[in-house]
Amino acid sequence: MKKILFLIAFMTLVSCNTTKQFTEGTDYTYIIKNSTGGNEKASVAIIDNYNDLINEVDKLNISDAISEALLNVDLEQNNVLVLHLGQRNSGGYGIEIDKMYEKKNVLYIKTKEIKPGKGDMVTMALTNPFTIVLIPKKEVVIE
């Protein structure tokens, strides 16, 4: 029974992680996308040190396994990008990277809001969607 539960938990975690390649070899990895637990106001945090990472992880609604994985990120090679969409009136919302490109050693990131489709069944509760992404260590501009 424990093996089955572990396999289900592992598959859930693996299915949440994706890597996308963009122009000029710039890549990123989604760590988690969650509909609850983010900030009430839209914001972006670029984390490049462990103190800020620990503070951000403590504020979010994430599992211990993901918290531990985040705290083991190599911040010499990567930054952690936390995208907060802000409070929404229902479920079905999210935030993700739309475009990412590098120009003159600066990483430009454009985000997009994911909205529920017309007629979609969604949770009727306030949500605070957020996404955590691992990006290469560079100077970053968010659009």
N, C-alpha and C. Protein backbone atom coordinates (compact mmCIF):
# COMPACT_ATOMS: atom_id res chain seq x y z
N MET A 1 0.82 -1.20 0.00
CA MET A 1 0.00 0.00 0.00
C MET A 1 0.86 1.26 0.00
N LYS A 2 1.96 1.22 0.82
CA LYS A 2 2.85 2.37 0.88
C LYS A 2 3.51 2.62 -0.47
N LYS A 3 3.85 1.53 -1.18
CA LYS A 3 4.48 1.68 -2.49
C LYS A 3 3.52 2.34 -3.48
N ILE A 4 2.26 1.97 -3.41
CA ILE A 4 1.27 2.55 -4.31
C ILE A 4 1.10 4.04 -4.02
N LEU A 5 0.99 4.40 -2.73
CA LEU A 5 0.87 5.82 -2.37
C LEU A 5 2.09 6.61 -2.80
N PHE A 6 3.29 6.03 -2.60
CA PHE A 6 4.51 6.70 -3.02
C PHE A 6 4.52 6.90 -4.53
N LEU A 7 4.11 5.88 -5.28
CA LEU A 7 4.08 5.97 -6.74
C LEU A 7 3.11 7.06 -7.20
N ILE A 8 1.95 7.14 -6.57
CA ILE A 8 0.97 8.17 -6.93
C ILE A 8 1.53 9.56 -6.62
N ALA A 9 2.14 9.72 -5.44
CA ALA A 9 2.72 11.02 -5.06
C ALA A 9 3.85 11.39 -6.02
N PHE A 10 4.70 10.41 -6.37
CA PHE A 10 5.82 10.68 -7.28
C PHE A 10 5.31 11.09 -8.66
N MET A 11 4.32 10.39 -9.18
CA MET A 11 3.78 10.71 -10.50
C MET A 11 3.14 12.10 -10.50
N THR A 12 2.49 12.47 -9.40
CA THR A 12 1.89 13.80 -9.29
C THR A 12 2.97 14.87 -9.35
N LEU A 13 4.05 14.67 -8.61
CA LEU A 13 5.14 15.65 -8.60
C LEU A 13 5.81 15.73 -9.97
N VAL A 14 6.05 14.60 -10.59
CA VAL A 14 6.72 14.58 -11.89
C VAL A 14 5.86 15.24 -12.96
N SER A 15 4.56 15.03 -12.90
CA SER A 15 3.68 15.61 -13.91
C SER A 15 3.59 17.13 -13.80
N CYS A 16 3.94 17.70 -12.65
CA CYS A 16 3.90 19.15 -12.48
C CYS A 16 5.14 19.83 -13.04
N ASN A 17 6.21 19.09 -13.26
CA ASN A 17 7.46 19.69 -13.73
C ASN A 17 7.58 19.56 -15.23
N THR A 18 7.84 20.69 -15.89
CA THR A 18 8.10 20.66 -17.33
C THR A 18 9.25 21.58 -17.63
N THR A 19 10.00 21.26 -18.66
CA THR A 19 11.08 22.12 -19.11
C THR A 19 10.77 22.53 -20.53
N LYS A 20 10.93 23.82 -20.83
CA LYS A 20 10.69 24.32 -22.17
C LYS A 20 11.95 25.00 -22.66
N GLN A 21 12.29 24.77 -23.89
CA GLN A 21 13.44 25.40 -24.52
C GLN A 21 12.99 26.61 -25.31
N PHE A 22 13.74 27.68 -25.22
CA PHE A 22 13.43 28.88 -25.96
C PHE A 22 14.63 29.29 -26.79
N THR A 23 14.49 30.35 -27.53
CA THR A 23 15.55 30.81 -28.42
C THR A 23 16.85 31.05 -27.67
N GLU A 24 17.92 30.92 -28.37
CA GLU A 24 19.27 31.15 -27.86
C GLU A 24 19.62 30.24 -26.71
N GLY A 25 18.98 29.07 -26.60
CA GLY A 25 19.36 28.08 -25.60
C GLY A 25 18.90 28.39 -24.18
N THR A 26 18.05 29.40 -23.99
CA THR A 26 17.57 29.74 -22.66
C THR A 26 16.46 28.77 -22.28
N ASP A 27 16.58 28.18 -21.09
CA ASP A 27 15.55 27.23 -20.68
C ASP A 27 15.09 27.55 -19.26
N TYR A 28 13.96 27.00 -18.89
CA TYR A 28 13.44 27.15 -17.54
C TYR A 28 12.68 25.90 -17.16
N THR A 29 12.44 25.74 -15.85
CA THR A 29 11.74 24.58 -15.34
C THR A 29 10.64 25.04 -14.37
N TYR A 30 9.41 24.63 -14.63
CA TYR A 30 8.35 24.88 -13.67
C TYR A 30 8.57 23.97 -12.47
N ILE A 31 8.57 24.55 -11.29
CA ILE A 31 8.68 23.77 -10.06
C ILE A 31 7.28 23.43 -9.56
N ILE A 32 6.42 24.45 -9.51
CA ILE A 32 5.04 24.22 -9.06
C ILE A 32 4.14 25.33 -9.62
N LYS A 33 2.92 24.95 -9.94
CA LYS A 33 1.84 25.88 -10.26
C LYS A 33 0.74 25.56 -9.27
N ASN A 34 0.30 26.57 -8.52
CA ASN A 34 -0.71 26.31 -7.50
C ASN A 34 -1.78 27.40 -7.54
N SER A 35 -3.01 27.05 -7.25
CA SER A 35 -4.09 28.03 -7.31
C SER A 35 -4.35 28.70 -5.96
N THR A 36 -3.75 28.19 -4.90
CA THR A 36 -3.95 28.80 -3.58
C THR A 36 -2.61 28.97 -2.88
N GLY A 37 -2.56 29.95 -2.00
CA GLY A 37 -1.38 30.13 -1.18
C GLY A 37 -0.48 31.28 -1.59
N GLY A 38 -0.78 31.94 -2.72
CA GLY A 38 0.05 33.04 -3.18
C GLY A 38 -0.33 34.36 -2.52
N ASN A 39 0.30 35.43 -2.96
CA ASN A 39 0.03 36.77 -2.43
C ASN A 39 -1.33 37.27 -2.91
N GLU A 40 -1.93 38.16 -2.11
CA GLU A 40 -3.22 38.74 -2.49
C GLU A 40 -3.07 39.75 -3.62
N LYS A 41 -1.90 40.33 -3.78
CA LYS A 41 -1.64 41.29 -4.85
C LYS A 41 -0.67 40.68 -5.85
N ALA A 42 -0.84 41.02 -7.11
CA ALA A 42 0.05 40.52 -8.16
C ALA A 42 1.47 41.02 -7.90
N SER A 43 2.45 40.13 -8.02
CA SER A 43 3.84 40.51 -7.82
C SER A 43 4.75 39.45 -8.42
N VAL A 44 6.02 39.83 -8.53
CA VAL A 44 7.05 38.92 -9.03
C VAL A 44 8.23 39.01 -8.08
N ALA A 45 8.78 37.87 -7.72
CA ALA A 45 9.98 37.84 -6.89
C ALA A 45 11.06 37.06 -7.63
N ILE A 46 12.22 37.66 -7.75
CA ILE A 46 13.39 36.98 -8.32
C ILE A 46 14.32 36.70 -7.15
N ILE A 47 14.50 35.44 -6.85
CA ILE A 47 15.24 35.06 -5.65
C ILE A 47 16.61 34.52 -6.06
N ASP A 48 17.65 35.12 -5.48
CA ASP A 48 19.01 34.71 -5.82
C ASP A 48 19.85 34.36 -4.60
N ASN A 49 19.21 34.29 -3.41
CA ASN A 49 19.96 33.90 -2.21
C ASN A 49 19.07 33.04 -1.32
N TYR A 50 19.70 32.25 -0.46
CA TYR A 50 18.97 31.27 0.34
C TYR A 50 18.09 31.90 1.42
N ASN A 51 18.48 33.05 1.98
CA ASN A 51 17.64 33.70 3.00
C ASN A 51 16.30 34.11 2.41
N ASP A 52 16.33 34.75 1.24
CA ASP A 52 15.08 35.15 0.58
C ASP A 52 14.26 33.93 0.17
N LEU A 53 14.94 32.89 -0.27
CA LEU A 53 14.24 31.67 -0.67
C LEU A 53 13.52 31.04 0.51
N ILE A 54 14.18 30.96 1.65
CA ILE A 54 13.57 30.39 2.86
C ILE A 54 12.36 31.22 3.27
N ASN A 55 12.48 32.55 3.24
CA ASN A 55 11.36 33.42 3.60
C ASN A 55 10.17 33.23 2.66
N GLU A 56 10.45 33.13 1.37
CA GLU A 56 9.36 32.96 0.39
C GLU A 56 8.69 31.59 0.55
N VAL A 57 9.47 30.54 0.73
CA VAL A 57 8.92 29.19 0.89
C VAL A 57 8.04 29.12 2.13
N ASP A 58 8.44 29.80 3.21
CA ASP A 58 7.64 29.79 4.44
C ASP A 58 6.27 30.43 4.24
N LYS A 59 6.15 31.40 3.33
CA LYS A 59 4.89 32.11 3.10
C LYS A 59 3.92 31.32 2.23
N LEU A 60 4.43 30.40 1.42
CA LEU A 60 3.60 29.75 0.40
C LEU A 60 2.96 28.47 0.91
N ASN A 61 1.89 28.08 0.23
CA ASN A 61 1.17 26.85 0.53
C ASN A 61 1.71 25.74 -0.37
N ILE A 62 2.88 25.17 0.02
CA ILE A 62 3.48 24.10 -0.78
C ILE A 62 3.86 22.93 0.11
N SER A 63 3.97 21.77 -0.51
CA SER A 63 4.27 20.56 0.25
C SER A 63 5.71 20.57 0.75
N ASP A 64 5.96 19.73 1.74
CA ASP A 64 7.31 19.61 2.30
C ASP A 64 8.31 19.12 1.26
N ALA A 65 7.86 18.21 0.38
CA ALA A 65 8.76 17.67 -0.65
C ALA A 65 9.21 18.77 -1.61
N ILE A 66 8.29 19.63 -2.02
CA ILE A 66 8.64 20.71 -2.93
C ILE A 66 9.47 21.76 -2.21
N SER A 67 9.14 22.04 -0.94
CA SER A 67 9.95 22.98 -0.14
C SER A 67 11.39 22.50 -0.06
N GLU A 68 11.55 21.22 0.22
CA GLU A 68 12.89 20.65 0.32
C GLU A 68 13.63 20.72 -1.01
N ALA A 69 12.93 20.42 -2.10
CA ALA A 69 13.55 20.50 -3.43
C ALA A 69 13.99 21.92 -3.74
N LEU A 70 13.16 22.90 -3.39
CA LEU A 70 13.50 24.30 -3.62
C LEU A 70 14.73 24.71 -2.82
N LEU A 71 14.80 24.25 -1.59
CA LEU A 71 15.93 24.63 -0.73
C LEU A 71 17.23 23.96 -1.17
N ASN A 72 17.14 22.97 -2.06
CA ASN A 72 18.34 22.32 -2.60
C ASN A 72 18.74 22.84 -3.98
N VAL A 73 18.07 23.90 -4.45
CA VAL A 73 18.39 24.49 -5.75
C VAL A 73 19.77 25.15 -5.68
N ASP A 74 20.55 24.99 -6.74
CA ASP A 74 21.87 25.62 -6.82
C ASP A 74 21.69 27.08 -7.26
N LEU A 75 21.75 27.99 -6.29
CA LEU A 75 21.54 29.41 -6.59
C LEU A 75 22.79 30.08 -7.16
N GLU A 76 23.85 29.32 -7.31
CA GLU A 76 25.04 29.83 -8.03
C GLU A 76 24.78 29.82 -9.54
N GLN A 77 23.97 28.86 -10.00
CA GLN A 77 23.69 28.68 -11.42
C GLN A 77 22.30 29.15 -11.83
N ASN A 78 21.37 29.24 -10.86
CA ASN A 78 19.97 29.54 -11.16
C ASN A 78 19.40 30.60 -10.24
N ASN A 79 18.33 31.22 -10.70
CA ASN A 79 17.48 32.06 -9.86
C ASN A 79 16.14 31.36 -9.76
N VAL A 80 15.41 31.66 -8.69
CA VAL A 80 14.06 31.16 -8.53
C VAL A 80 13.12 32.33 -8.79
N LEU A 81 12.20 32.14 -9.71
CA LEU A 81 11.24 33.17 -10.08
C LEU A 81 9.89 32.77 -9.51
N VAL A 82 9.31 33.65 -8.69
CA VAL A 82 7.99 33.39 -8.11
C VAL A 82 7.02 34.42 -8.69
N LEU A 83 6.02 33.92 -9.40
CA LEU A 83 5.01 34.76 -10.05
C LEU A 83 3.71 34.66 -9.27
N HIS A 84 3.23 35.77 -8.73
CA HIS A 84 1.96 35.80 -8.01
C HIS A 84 0.94 36.51 -8.88
N LEU A 85 -0.19 35.87 -9.14
CA LEU A 85 -1.23 36.47 -9.95
C LEU A 85 -2.09 37.46 -9.16
N GLY A 86 -2.17 37.27 -7.86
CA GLY A 86 -3.05 38.09 -7.03
C GLY A 86 -4.37 37.37 -6.80
N GLN A 87 -5.20 37.94 -5.96
CA GLN A 87 -6.46 37.28 -5.59
C GLN A 87 -7.47 37.31 -6.74
N ARG A 88 -8.12 36.17 -6.94
CA ARG A 88 -9.18 36.02 -7.93
C ARG A 88 -10.43 35.51 -7.23
N ASN A 89 -11.60 35.75 -7.85
CA ASN A 89 -12.89 35.41 -7.23
C ASN A 89 -13.28 33.94 -7.36
N SER A 90 -12.56 33.17 -8.16
CA SER A 90 -12.90 31.75 -8.33
C SER A 90 -11.65 30.98 -8.73
N GLY A 91 -11.80 29.68 -8.85
CA GLY A 91 -10.71 28.84 -9.33
C GLY A 91 -10.59 28.94 -10.84
N GLY A 92 -9.65 28.22 -11.40
CA GLY A 92 -9.46 28.19 -12.84
C GLY A 92 -8.43 29.18 -13.35
N TYR A 93 -7.87 30.00 -12.46
CA TYR A 93 -6.87 30.99 -12.85
C TYR A 93 -5.47 30.46 -12.59
N GLY A 94 -4.52 31.01 -13.31
CA GLY A 94 -3.12 30.67 -13.12
C GLY A 94 -2.24 31.70 -13.78
N ILE A 95 -0.94 31.57 -13.59
CA ILE A 95 0.02 32.46 -14.22
C ILE A 95 1.19 31.62 -14.69
N GLU A 96 1.69 31.94 -15.88
CA GLU A 96 2.83 31.19 -16.42
C GLU A 96 3.65 32.09 -17.34
N ILE A 97 4.77 31.56 -17.77
CA ILE A 97 5.64 32.28 -18.69
C ILE A 97 5.07 32.14 -20.09
N ASP A 98 4.91 33.28 -20.77
CA ASP A 98 4.43 33.29 -22.15
C ASP A 98 5.61 33.23 -23.10
N LYS A 99 6.60 34.09 -22.88
CA LYS A 99 7.79 34.15 -23.73
C LYS A 99 8.99 34.41 -22.86
N MET A 100 10.13 33.87 -23.28
CA MET A 100 11.38 34.15 -22.59
C MET A 100 12.48 34.17 -23.62
N TYR A 101 13.27 35.23 -23.62
CA TYR A 101 14.38 35.31 -24.55
C TYR A 101 15.53 36.09 -23.92
N GLU A 102 16.71 35.88 -24.46
CA GLU A 102 17.90 36.53 -23.95
C GLU A 102 18.43 37.51 -24.98
N LYS A 103 18.81 38.68 -24.50
CA LYS A 103 19.37 39.70 -25.38
C LYS A 103 20.45 40.44 -24.61
N LYS A 104 21.67 40.40 -25.12
CA LYS A 104 22.81 41.06 -24.48
C LYS A 104 22.95 40.66 -23.01
N ASN A 105 22.88 39.37 -22.75
CA ASN A 105 23.06 38.78 -21.42
C ASN A 105 21.98 39.20 -20.41
N VAL A 106 20.83 39.68 -20.91
CA VAL A 106 19.68 40.00 -20.06
C VAL A 106 18.55 39.07 -20.47
N LEU A 107 17.90 38.47 -19.49
CA LEU A 107 16.80 37.56 -19.72
C LEU A 107 15.49 38.33 -19.65
N TYR A 108 14.71 38.33 -20.73
CA TYR A 108 13.43 39.01 -20.78
C TYR A 108 12.33 37.96 -20.64
N ILE A 109 11.41 38.21 -19.73
CA ILE A 109 10.33 37.25 -19.47
C ILE A 109 9.00 37.97 -19.57
N LYS A 110 8.10 37.42 -20.38
CA LYS A 110 6.74 37.93 -20.49
C LYS A 110 5.82 36.89 -19.88
N THR A 111 4.96 37.30 -18.97
CA THR A 111 4.05 36.37 -18.32
C THR A 111 2.65 36.50 -18.91
N LYS A 112 1.84 35.48 -18.68
CA LYS A 112 0.44 35.57 -19.10
C LYS A 112 -0.46 34.96 -18.04
N GLU A 113 -1.66 35.53 -17.95
CA GLU A 113 -2.67 35.05 -17.01
C GLU A 113 -3.49 33.97 -17.69
N ILE A 114 -3.67 32.88 -17.01
CA ILE A 114 -4.55 31.81 -17.48
C ILE A 114 -5.92 32.05 -16.84
N LYS A 115 -6.97 32.07 -17.66
CA LYS A 115 -8.33 32.31 -17.16
C LYS A 115 -9.19 31.09 -17.45
N PRO A 116 -10.20 30.87 -16.60
CA PRO A 116 -11.12 29.76 -16.89
C PRO A 116 -11.93 30.06 -18.15
N GLY A 117 -12.26 29.02 -18.89
CA GLY A 117 -13.07 29.19 -20.08
C GLY A 117 -14.52 29.46 -19.73
N LYS A 118 -15.22 30.02 -20.66
CA LYS A 118 -16.63 30.30 -20.45
C LYS A 118 -17.37 28.98 -20.24
N GLY A 119 -18.10 28.88 -19.16
CA GLY A 119 -18.86 27.67 -18.85
C GLY A 119 -18.06 26.60 -18.11
N ASP A 120 -16.75 26.84 -17.87
CA ASP A 120 -15.95 25.87 -17.12
C ASP A 120 -16.45 25.77 -15.68
N MET A 121 -16.43 24.55 -15.14
CA MET A 121 -16.76 24.36 -13.74
C MET A 121 -15.50 24.69 -12.93
N VAL A 122 -15.63 25.66 -12.03
CA VAL A 122 -14.49 26.09 -11.22
C VAL A 122 -14.88 26.15 -9.76
N THR A 123 -13.89 26.17 -8.91
CA THR A 123 -14.11 26.33 -7.48
C THR A 123 -14.68 27.72 -7.22
N MET A 124 -15.73 27.80 -6.45
CA MET A 124 -16.32 29.10 -6.12
C MET A 124 -15.77 29.55 -4.77
N ALA A 125 -14.52 29.96 -4.80
CA ALA A 125 -13.84 30.45 -3.60
C ALA A 125 -12.73 31.40 -4.05
N LEU A 126 -12.31 32.26 -3.16
CA LEU A 126 -11.20 33.14 -3.47
C LEU A 126 -9.94 32.31 -3.64
N THR A 127 -9.17 32.60 -4.66
CA THR A 127 -7.91 31.90 -4.90
C THR A 127 -6.79 32.92 -5.09
N ASN A 128 -5.57 32.51 -4.83
CA ASN A 128 -4.38 33.34 -5.00
C ASN A 128 -3.34 32.52 -5.76
N PRO A 129 -3.48 32.40 -7.07
CA PRO A 129 -2.58 31.55 -7.85
C PRO A 129 -1.13 32.07 -7.86
N PHE A 130 -0.21 31.11 -7.89
CA PHE A 130 1.20 31.44 -8.02
C PHE A 130 1.91 30.33 -8.77
N THR A 131 3.06 30.67 -9.31
CA THR A 131 3.90 29.72 -10.03
C THR A 131 5.35 29.95 -9.61
N ILE A 132 6.08 28.86 -9.42
CA ILE A 132 7.51 28.96 -9.12
C ILE A 132 8.27 28.32 -10.27
N VAL A 133 9.25 29.07 -10.79
CA VAL A 133 10.01 28.65 -11.97
C VAL A 133 11.50 28.79 -11.67
N LEU A 134 12.27 27.82 -12.11
CA LEU A 134 13.72 27.87 -12.02
C LEU A 134 14.25 28.40 -13.34
N ILE A 135 15.03 29.50 -13.29
CA ILE A 135 15.55 30.13 -14.50
C ILE A 135 17.06 30.25 -14.40
N PRO A 136 17.76 30.36 -15.53
CA PRO A 136 19.21 30.55 -15.50
C PRO A 136 19.57 31.85 -14.81
N LYS A 137 20.72 31.87 -14.17
CA LYS A 137 21.18 33.07 -13.46
C LYS A 137 21.59 34.12 -14.49
N LYS A 138 20.87 35.20 -14.55
CA LYS A 138 21.12 36.32 -15.46
C LYS A 138 20.44 37.55 -14.85
N GLU A 139 20.73 38.70 -15.42
CA GLU A 139 19.93 39.88 -15.11
C GLU A 139 18.57 39.64 -15.76
N VAL A 140 17.48 39.93 -15.03
CA VAL A 140 16.15 39.58 -15.53
C VAL A 140 15.27 40.82 -15.63
N VAL A 141 14.50 40.90 -16.73
CA VAL A 141 13.49 41.93 -16.92
C VAL A 141 12.16 41.23 -17.11
N ILE A 142 11.17 41.62 -16.32
CA ILE A 142 9.83 41.02 -16.41
C ILE A 142 8.91 41.99 -17.14
N GLU A 143 8.17 41.49 -18.12
CA GLU A 143 7.22 42.33 -18.86
C GLU A 143 5.81 41.84 -18.59
